[in-house]
């Protein structure tokens, strides 16, 4: 699988409802970096994500746990704001 194919596949996994035709590979990489940095993963490039996924079979599970924590925190903040 080429690097661009990996970027596209990871983007599809992360943003299932986005329209890929409107985005360049660079835009997808930027969005993925922002997403993973926001969830607490300290990475310097999308290539590090690929390496982590290849080396650590539990990486996706760890990532999902962190994402759920962030989403819960955001939901709680929103609920407080609307209360």
PDB file of N, CA and C in Angstrom:
ATOM      1  N   UNK A   1       0.854  -1.170   0.000  1.00  0.00           N
ATOM      2  CA  UNK A   1       0.000   0.000   0.000  1.00  0.00           C
ATOM      3  C   UNK A   1       0.904   1.238   0.000  1.00  0.00           C
ATOM      4  N   UNK A   2       0.587   2.198  -0.849  1.00  0.00           N
ATOM      5  CA  UNK A   2       1.393   3.417  -0.907  1.00  0.00           C
ATOM      6  C   UNK A   2       1.082   4.318   0.280  1.00  0.00           C
ATOM      7  N   UNK A   3       1.952   5.286   0.499  1.00  0.00           N
ATOM      8  CA  UNK A   3       1.758   6.230   1.600  1.00  0.00           C
ATOM      9  C   UNK A   3       0.448   6.999   1.411  1.00  0.00           C
ATOM     10  N   UNK A   4       0.185   7.458   0.199  1.00  0.00           N
ATOM     11  CA  UNK A   4      -1.054   8.197  -0.056  1.00  0.00           C
ATOM     12  C   UNK A   4      -2.281   7.335   0.218  1.00  0.00           C
ATOM     13  N   UNK A   5      -2.212   6.071  -0.134  1.00  0.00           N
ATOM     14  CA  UNK A   5      -3.325   5.159   0.155  1.00  0.00           C
ATOM     15  C   UNK A   5      -3.517   5.001   1.658  1.00  0.00           C
ATOM     16  N   UNK A   6      -2.408   4.943   2.394  1.00  0.00           N
ATOM     17  CA  UNK A   6      -2.499   4.857   3.852  1.00  0.00           C
ATOM     18  C   UNK A   6      -3.155   6.107   4.428  1.00  0.00           C
ATOM     19  N   UNK A   7      -2.765   7.282   3.919  1.00  0.00           N
ATOM     20  CA  UNK A   7      -3.358   8.535   4.396  1.00  0.00           C
ATOM     21  C   UNK A   7      -4.854   8.534   4.122  1.00  0.00           C
ATOM     22  N   UNK A   8      -5.230   8.172   2.921  1.00  0.00           N
ATOM     23  CA  UNK A   8      -6.651   8.153   2.546  1.00  0.00           C
ATOM     24  C   UNK A   8      -7.427   7.168   3.418  1.00  0.00           C
ATOM     25  N   UNK A   9      -6.894   5.980   3.634  1.00  0.00           N
ATOM     26  CA  UNK A   9      -7.587   4.980   4.461  1.00  0.00           C
ATOM     27  C   UNK A   9      -7.737   5.439   5.901  1.00  0.00           C
ATOM     28  N   UNK A  10      -6.670   6.011   6.471  1.00  0.00           N
ATOM     29  CA  UNK A  10      -6.752   6.497   7.843  1.00  0.00           C
ATOM     30  C   UNK A  10      -7.739   7.654   7.940  1.00  0.00           C
ATOM     31  N   UNK A  11      -7.755   8.510   6.941  1.00  0.00           N
ATOM     32  CA  UNK A  11      -8.704   9.620   6.933  1.00  0.00           C
ATOM     33  C   UNK A  11     -10.135   9.086   6.872  1.00  0.00           C
ATOM     34  N   UNK A  12     -10.363   8.095   6.030  1.00  0.00           N
ATOM     35  CA  UNK A  12     -11.700   7.490   5.930  1.00  0.00           C
ATOM     36  C   UNK A  12     -12.129   6.886   7.263  1.00  0.00           C
ATOM     37  N   UNK A  13     -11.197   6.219   7.957  1.00  0.00           N
ATOM     38  CA  UNK A  13     -11.510   5.629   9.261  1.00  0.00           C
ATOM     39  C   UNK A  13     -11.847   6.706  10.285  1.00  0.00           C
ATOM     40  N   UNK A  14     -11.130   7.811  10.215  1.00  0.00           N
ATOM     41  CA  UNK A  14     -11.275   8.868  11.211  1.00  0.00           C
ATOM     42  C   UNK A  14     -12.478   9.756  10.930  1.00  0.00           C
ATOM     43  N   UNK A  15     -12.666  10.095   9.681  1.00  0.00           N
ATOM     44  CA  UNK A  15     -13.746  11.000   9.286  1.00  0.00           C
ATOM     45  C   UNK A  15     -14.651  10.294   8.284  1.00  0.00           C
ATOM     46  N   UNK A  16     -15.436   9.380   8.759  1.00  0.00           N
ATOM     47  CA  UNK A  16     -16.244   8.522   7.886  1.00  0.00           C
ATOM     48  C   UNK A  16     -17.224   9.288   7.005  1.00  0.00           C
ATOM     49  N   UNK A  17     -17.679  10.447   7.453  1.00  0.00           N
ATOM     50  CA  UNK A  17     -18.725  11.141   6.701  1.00  0.00           C
ATOM     51  C   UNK A  17     -18.206  12.281   5.832  1.00  0.00           C
ATOM     52  N   UNK A  18     -16.914  12.428   5.706  1.00  0.00           N
ATOM     53  CA  UNK A  18     -16.345  13.521   4.925  1.00  0.00           C
ATOM     54  C   UNK A  18     -16.299  13.170   3.441  1.00  0.00           C
ATOM     55  N   UNK A  19     -16.324  14.201   2.617  1.00  0.00           N
ATOM     56  CA  UNK A  19     -16.242  14.034   1.178  1.00  0.00           C
ATOM     57  C   UNK A  19     -14.777  14.112   0.755  1.00  0.00           C
ATOM     58  N   UNK A  20     -14.188  12.994   0.419  1.00  0.00           N
ATOM     59  CA  UNK A  20     -12.762  12.927   0.106  1.00  0.00           C
ATOM     60  C   UNK A  20     -12.385  13.660  -1.172  1.00  0.00           C
ATOM     61  N   UNK A  21     -13.290  13.755  -2.108  1.00  0.00           N
ATOM     62  CA  UNK A  21     -12.970  14.373  -3.386  1.00  0.00           C
ATOM     63  C   UNK A  21     -12.577  15.839  -3.241  1.00  0.00           C
ATOM     64  N   UNK A  22     -13.011  16.472  -2.173  1.00  0.00           N
ATOM     65  CA  UNK A  22     -12.747  17.892  -1.986  1.00  0.00           C
ATOM     66  C   UNK A  22     -11.419  18.164  -1.295  1.00  0.00           C
ATOM     67  N   UNK A  23     -10.718  17.130  -0.846  1.00  0.00           N
ATOM     68  CA  UNK A  23      -9.503  17.318  -0.068  1.00  0.00           C
ATOM     69  C   UNK A  23      -8.271  16.771  -0.768  1.00  0.00           C
ATOM     70  N   UNK A  24      -7.166  17.494  -0.582  1.00  0.00           N
ATOM     71  CA  UNK A  24      -5.884  16.995  -1.065  1.00  0.00           C
ATOM     72  C   UNK A  24      -5.272  16.099   0.009  1.00  0.00           C
ATOM     73  N   UNK A  25      -4.251  15.362  -0.356  1.00  0.00           N
ATOM     74  CA  UNK A  25      -3.542  14.521   0.615  1.00  0.00           C
ATOM     75  C   UNK A  25      -2.990  15.393   1.736  1.00  0.00           C
ATOM     76  N   UNK A  26      -2.433  16.554   1.398  1.00  0.00           N
ATOM     77  CA  UNK A  26      -1.890  17.462   2.420  1.00  0.00           C
ATOM     78  C   UNK A  26      -2.967  17.913   3.399  1.00  0.00           C
ATOM     79  N   UNK A  27      -4.158  18.216   2.889  1.00  0.00           N
ATOM     80  CA  UNK A  27      -5.257  18.628   3.766  1.00  0.00           C
ATOM     81  C   UNK A  27      -5.699  17.478   4.671  1.00  0.00           C
ATOM     82  N   UNK A  28      -5.713  16.278   4.134  1.00  0.00           N
ATOM     83  CA  UNK A  28      -6.058  15.109   4.950  1.00  0.00           C
ATOM     84  C   UNK A  28      -5.022  14.908   6.052  1.00  0.00           C
ATOM     85  N   UNK A  29      -3.741  15.025   5.693  1.00  0.00           N
ATOM     86  CA  UNK A  29      -2.677  14.867   6.687  1.00  0.00           C
ATOM     87  C   UNK A  29      -2.806  15.908   7.790  1.00  0.00           C
ATOM     88  N   UNK A  30      -3.069  17.149   7.402  1.00  0.00           N
ATOM     89  CA  UNK A  30      -3.214  18.225   8.388  1.00  0.00           C
ATOM     90  C   UNK A  30      -4.384  17.946   9.331  1.00  0.00           C
ATOM     91  N   UNK A  31      -5.510  17.525   8.775  1.00  0.00           N
ATOM     92  CA  UNK A  31      -6.683  17.218   9.601  1.00  0.00           C
ATOM     93  C   UNK A  31      -6.394  16.053  10.544  1.00  0.00           C
ATOM     94  N   UNK A  32      -5.712  15.035  10.060  1.00  0.00           N
ATOM     95  CA  UNK A  32      -5.370  13.890  10.907  1.00  0.00           C
ATOM     96  C   UNK A  32      -4.436  14.299  12.034  1.00  0.00           C
ATOM     97  N   UNK A  33      -3.444  15.128  11.719  1.00  0.00           N
ATOM     98  CA  UNK A  33      -2.512  15.601  12.750  1.00  0.00           C
ATOM     99  C   UNK A  33      -3.270  16.370  13.829  1.00  0.00           C
ATOM    100  N   UNK A  34      -4.139  17.284  13.426  1.00  0.00           N
ATOM    101  CA  UNK A  34      -4.926  18.062  14.390  1.00  0.00           C
ATOM    102  C   UNK A  34      -5.767  17.139  15.261  1.00  0.00           C
ATOM    103  N   UNK A  35      -6.394  16.166  14.645  1.00  0.00           N
ATOM    104  CA  UNK A  35      -7.261  15.233  15.359  1.00  0.00           C
ATOM    105  C   UNK A  35      -6.480  14.447  16.401  1.00  0.00           C
ATOM    106  N   UNK A  36      -5.381  13.846  15.992  1.00  0.00           N
ATOM    107  CA  UNK A  36      -4.611  13.013  16.916  1.00  0.00           C
ATOM    108  C   UNK A  36      -3.918  13.837  17.991  1.00  0.00           C
ATOM    109  N   UNK A  37      -3.446  15.028  17.658  1.00  0.00           N
ATOM    110  CA  UNK A  37      -2.850  15.896  18.677  1.00  0.00           C
ATOM    111  C   UNK A  37      -3.904  16.311  19.699  1.00  0.00           C
ATOM    112  N   UNK A  38      -5.122  16.582  19.239  1.00  0.00           N
ATOM    113  CA  UNK A  38      -6.204  16.980  20.147  1.00  0.00           C
ATOM    114  C   UNK A  38      -6.596  15.856  21.099  1.00  0.00           C
ATOM    115  N   UNK A  39      -6.366  14.629  20.695  1.00  0.00           N
ATOM    116  CA  UNK A  39      -6.709  13.501  21.561  1.00  0.00           C
ATOM    117  C   UNK A  39      -5.562  13.089  22.472  1.00  0.00           C
ATOM    118  N   UNK A  40      -4.476  13.841  22.434  1.00  0.00           N
ATOM    119  CA  UNK A  40      -3.389  13.594  23.372  1.00  0.00           C
ATOM    120  C   UNK A  40      -2.222  12.788  22.843  1.00  0.00           C
ATOM    121  N   UNK A  41      -2.238  12.463  21.584  1.00  0.00           N
ATOM    122  CA  UNK A  41      -1.105  11.742  21.008  1.00  0.00           C
ATOM    123  C   UNK A  41      -0.055  12.746  20.568  1.00  0.00           C
ATOM    124  N   UNK A  42       1.151  12.572  21.064  1.00  0.00           N
ATOM    125  CA  UNK A  42       2.241  13.465  20.693  1.00  0.00           C
ATOM    126  C   UNK A  42       2.976  12.862  19.510  1.00  0.00           C
ATOM    127  N   UNK A  43       2.634  13.366  18.338  1.00  0.00           N
ATOM    128  CA  UNK A  43       3.242  12.881  17.107  1.00  0.00           C
ATOM    129  C   UNK A  43       3.724  14.073  16.304  1.00  0.00           C
ATOM    130  N   UNK A  44       4.711  13.833  15.465  1.00  0.00           N
ATOM    131  CA  UNK A  44       5.266  14.896  14.635  1.00  0.00           C
ATOM    132  C   UNK A  44       4.867  14.776  13.177  1.00  0.00           C
ATOM    133  N   UNK A  45       4.344  13.629  12.807  1.00  0.00           N
ATOM    134  CA  UNK A  45       3.947  13.431  11.417  1.00  0.00           C
ATOM    135  C   UNK A  45       2.944  12.286  11.324  1.00  0.00           C
ATOM    136  N   UNK A  46       2.261  12.249  10.218  1.00  0.00           N
ATOM    137  CA  UNK A  46       1.312  11.171   9.970  1.00  0.00           C
ATOM    138  C   UNK A  46       2.062   9.843   9.848  1.00  0.00           C
ATOM    139  N   UNK A  47       3.292   9.921   9.369  1.00  0.00           N
ATOM    140  CA  UNK A  47       4.090   8.699   9.247  1.00  0.00           C
ATOM    141  C   UNK A  47       4.295   8.028  10.602  1.00  0.00           C
ATOM    142  N   UNK A  48       4.395   8.821  11.669  1.00  0.00           N
ATOM    143  CA  UNK A  48       4.506   8.246  13.013  1.00  0.00           C
ATOM    144  C   UNK A  48       3.255   7.451  13.372  1.00  0.00           C
ATOM    145  N   UNK A  49       2.108   7.933  12.934  1.00  0.00           N
ATOM    146  CA  UNK A  49       0.869   7.183  13.172  1.00  0.00           C
ATOM    147  C   UNK A  49       0.939   5.815  12.506  1.00  0.00           C
ATOM    148  N   UNK A  50       1.406   5.802  11.266  1.00  0.00           N
ATOM    149  CA  UNK A  50       1.513   4.536  10.552  1.00  0.00           C
ATOM    150  C   UNK A  50       2.480   3.594  11.263  1.00  0.00           C
ATOM    151  N   UNK A  51       3.606   4.128  11.716  1.00  0.00           N
ATOM    152  CA  UNK A  51       4.590   3.310  12.433  1.00  0.00           C
ATOM    153  C   UNK A  51       3.988   2.760  13.720  1.00  0.00           C
ATOM    154  N   UNK A  52       3.293   3.624  14.466  1.00  0.00           N
ATOM    155  CA  UNK A  52       2.667   3.183  15.715  1.00  0.00           C
ATOM    156  C   UNK A  52       1.660   2.074  15.468  1.00  0.00           C
ATOM    157  N   UNK A  53       0.889   2.213  14.421  1.00  0.00           N
ATOM    158  CA  UNK A  53      -0.120   1.201  14.105  1.00  0.00           C
ATOM    159  C   UNK A  53       0.531  -0.117  13.696  1.00  0.00           C
ATOM    160  N   UNK A  54       1.662  -0.026  12.989  1.00  0.00           N
ATOM    161  CA  UNK A  54       2.356  -1.240  12.551  1.00  0.00           C
ATOM    162  C   UNK A  54       3.042  -1.951  13.709  1.00  0.00           C
ATOM    163  N   UNK A  55       3.629  -1.177  14.624  1.00  0.00           N
ATOM    164  CA  UNK A  55       4.423  -1.735  15.717  1.00  0.00           C
ATOM    165  C   UNK A  55       3.557  -2.188  16.885  1.00  0.00           C
ATOM    166  N   UNK A  56       2.514  -1.429  17.182  1.00  0.00           N
ATOM    167  CA  UNK A  56       1.692  -1.687  18.364  1.00  0.00           C
ATOM    168  C   UNK A  56       0.278  -2.086  17.946  1.00  0.00           C
ATOM    169  N   UNK A  57      -0.054  -3.359  18.039  1.00  0.00           N
ATOM    170  CA  UNK A  57      -1.387  -3.801  17.629  1.00  0.00           C
ATOM    171  C   UNK A  57      -2.514  -3.199  18.478  1.00  0.00           C
ATOM    172  N   UNK A  58      -2.190  -2.726  19.673  1.00  0.00           N
ATOM    173  CA  UNK A  58      -3.200  -2.119  20.536  1.00  0.00           C
ATOM    174  C   UNK A  58      -3.307  -0.608  20.353  1.00  0.00           C
ATOM    175  N   UNK A  59      -2.562  -0.062  19.419  1.00  0.00           N
ATOM    176  CA  UNK A  59      -2.550   1.387  19.224  1.00  0.00           C
ATOM    177  C   UNK A  59      -3.950   1.932  18.968  1.00  0.00           C
ATOM    178  N   UNK A  60      -4.694   1.285  18.091  1.00  0.00           N
ATOM    179  CA  UNK A  60      -6.042   1.768  17.775  1.00  0.00           C
ATOM    180  C   UNK A  60      -6.954   1.729  18.996  1.00  0.00           C
ATOM    181  N   UNK A  61      -6.815   0.696  19.829  1.00  0.00           N
ATOM    182  CA  UNK A  61      -7.623   0.611  21.053  1.00  0.00           C
ATOM    183  C   UNK A  61      -7.249   1.729  22.019  1.00  0.00           C
ATOM    184  N   UNK A  62      -5.944   1.983  22.168  1.00  0.00           N
ATOM    185  CA  UNK A  62      -5.482   3.062  23.041  1.00  0.00           C
ATOM    186  C   UNK A  62      -5.984   4.411  22.530  1.00  0.00           C
ATOM    187  N   UNK A  63      -5.909   4.588  21.225  1.00  0.00           N
ATOM    188  CA  UNK A  63      -6.375   5.813  20.610  1.00  0.00           C
ATOM    189  C   UNK A  63      -7.867   6.005  20.869  1.00  0.00           C
ATOM    190  N   UNK A  64      -8.638   4.958  20.691  1.00  0.00           N
ATOM    191  CA  UNK A  64     -10.087   5.042  20.891  1.00  0.00           C
ATOM    192  C   UNK A  64     -10.426   5.415  22.328  1.00  0.00           C
ATOM    193  N   UNK A  65      -9.687   4.868  23.296  1.00  0.00           N
ATOM    194  CA  UNK A  65      -9.915   5.221  24.698  1.00  0.00           C
ATOM    195  C   UNK A  65      -9.674   6.707  24.930  1.00  0.00           C
ATOM    196  N   UNK A  66      -8.575   7.224  24.386  1.00  0.00           N
ATOM    197  CA  UNK A  66      -8.265   8.645  24.557  1.00  0.00           C
ATOM    198  C   UNK A  66      -9.321   9.518  23.891  1.00  0.00           C
ATOM    199  N   UNK A  67      -9.765   9.105  22.728  1.00  0.00           N
ATOM    200  CA  UNK A  67     -10.786   9.868  22.011  1.00  0.00           C
ATOM    201  C   UNK A  67     -12.077   9.905  22.819  1.00  0.00           C
ATOM    202  N   UNK A  68     -12.466   8.783  23.401  1.00  0.00           N
ATOM    203  CA  UNK A  68     -13.689   8.737  24.203  1.00  0.00           C
ATOM    204  C   UNK A  68     -13.592   9.658  25.411  1.00  0.00           C
ATOM    205  N   UNK A  69     -12.416   9.734  26.031  1.00  0.00           N
ATOM    206  CA  UNK A  69     -12.214  10.636  27.169  1.00  0.00           C
ATOM    207  C   UNK A  69     -12.392  12.082  26.728  1.00  0.00           C
ATOM    208  N   UNK A  70     -11.786  12.440  25.614  1.00  0.00           N
ATOM    209  CA  UNK A  70     -11.897  13.810  25.108  1.00  0.00           C
ATOM    210  C   UNK A  70     -13.343  14.131  24.759  1.00  0.00           C
ATOM    211  N   UNK A  71     -14.025  13.220  24.097  1.00  0.00           N
ATOM    212  CA  UNK A  71     -15.427  13.455  23.735  1.00  0.00           C
ATOM    213  C   UNK A  71     -16.306  13.610  24.972  1.00  0.00           C
ATOM    214  N   UNK A  72     -16.046  12.812  25.993  1.00  0.00           N
ATOM    215  CA  UNK A  72     -16.811  12.915  27.233  1.00  0.00           C
ATOM    216  C   UNK A  72     -16.582  14.274  27.885  1.00  0.00           C
ATOM    217  N   UNK A  73     -15.324  14.714  27.925  1.00  0.00           N
ATOM    218  CA  UNK A  73     -15.006  16.020  28.505  1.00  0.00           C
ATOM    219  C   UNK A  73     -15.700  17.140  27.736  1.00  0.00           C
ATOM    220  N   UNK A  74     -15.679  17.055  26.424  1.00  0.00           N
ATOM    221  CA  UNK A  74     -16.348  18.073  25.609  1.00  0.00           C
ATOM    222  C   UNK A  74     -17.851  18.082  25.854  1.00  0.00           C
ATOM    223  N   UNK A  75     -18.450  16.913  25.962  1.00  0.00           N
ATOM    224  CA  UNK A  75     -19.888  16.819  26.218  1.00  0.00           C
ATOM    225  C   UNK A  75     -20.233  17.406  27.580  1.00  0.00           C
ATOM    226  N   UNK A  76     -19.391  17.146  28.581  1.00  0.00           N
ATOM    227  CA  UNK A  76     -19.630  17.695  29.919  1.00  0.00           C
ATOM    228  C   UNK A  76     -19.519  19.217  29.917  1.00  0.00           C
ATOM    229  N   UNK A  77     -18.537  19.748  29.214  1.00  0.00           N
ATOM    230  CA  UNK A  77     -18.381  21.205  29.119  1.00  0.00           C
ATOM    231  C   UNK A  77     -19.587  21.829  28.431  1.00  0.00           C
ATOM    232  N   UNK A  78     -20.040  21.182  27.377  1.00  0.00           N
ATOM    233  CA  UNK A  78     -21.196  21.688  26.635  1.00  0.00           C
ATOM    234  C   UNK A  78     -22.446  21.647  27.506  1.00  0.00           C
ATOM    235  N   UNK A  79     -22.608  20.580  28.277  1.00  0.00           N
ATOM    236  CA  UNK A  79     -23.769  20.455  29.164  1.00  0.00           C
ATOM    237  C   UNK A  79     -23.752  21.541  30.231  1.00  0.00           C
ATOM    238  N   UNK A  80     -22.585  21.831  30.781  1.00  0.00           N
ATOM    239  CA  UNK A  80     -22.470  22.892  31.790  1.00  0.00           C
ATOM    240  C   UNK A  80     -22.788  24.249  31.184  1.00  0.00           C
ATOM    241  N   UNK A  81     -22.333  24.451  29.951  1.00  0.00           N
ATOM    242  CA  UNK A  81     -22.574  25.718  29.277  1.00  0.00           C
ATOM    243  C   UNK A  81     -24.067  25.927  29.021  1.00  0.00           C
ATOM    244  N   UNK A  82     -24.761  24.847  28.711  1.00  0.00           N
ATOM    245  CA  UNK A  82     -26.185  24.922  28.393  1.00  0.00           C
ATOM    246  C   UNK A  82     -27.084  24.840  29.622  1.00  0.00           C
ATOM    247  N   UNK A  83     -26.510  24.583  30.785  1.00  0.00           N
ATOM    248  CA  UNK A  83     -27.310  24.438  32.008  1.00  0.00           C
ATOM    249  C   UNK A  83     -27.718  25.780  32.574  1.00  0.00           C
TER     250      UNK A  83
END
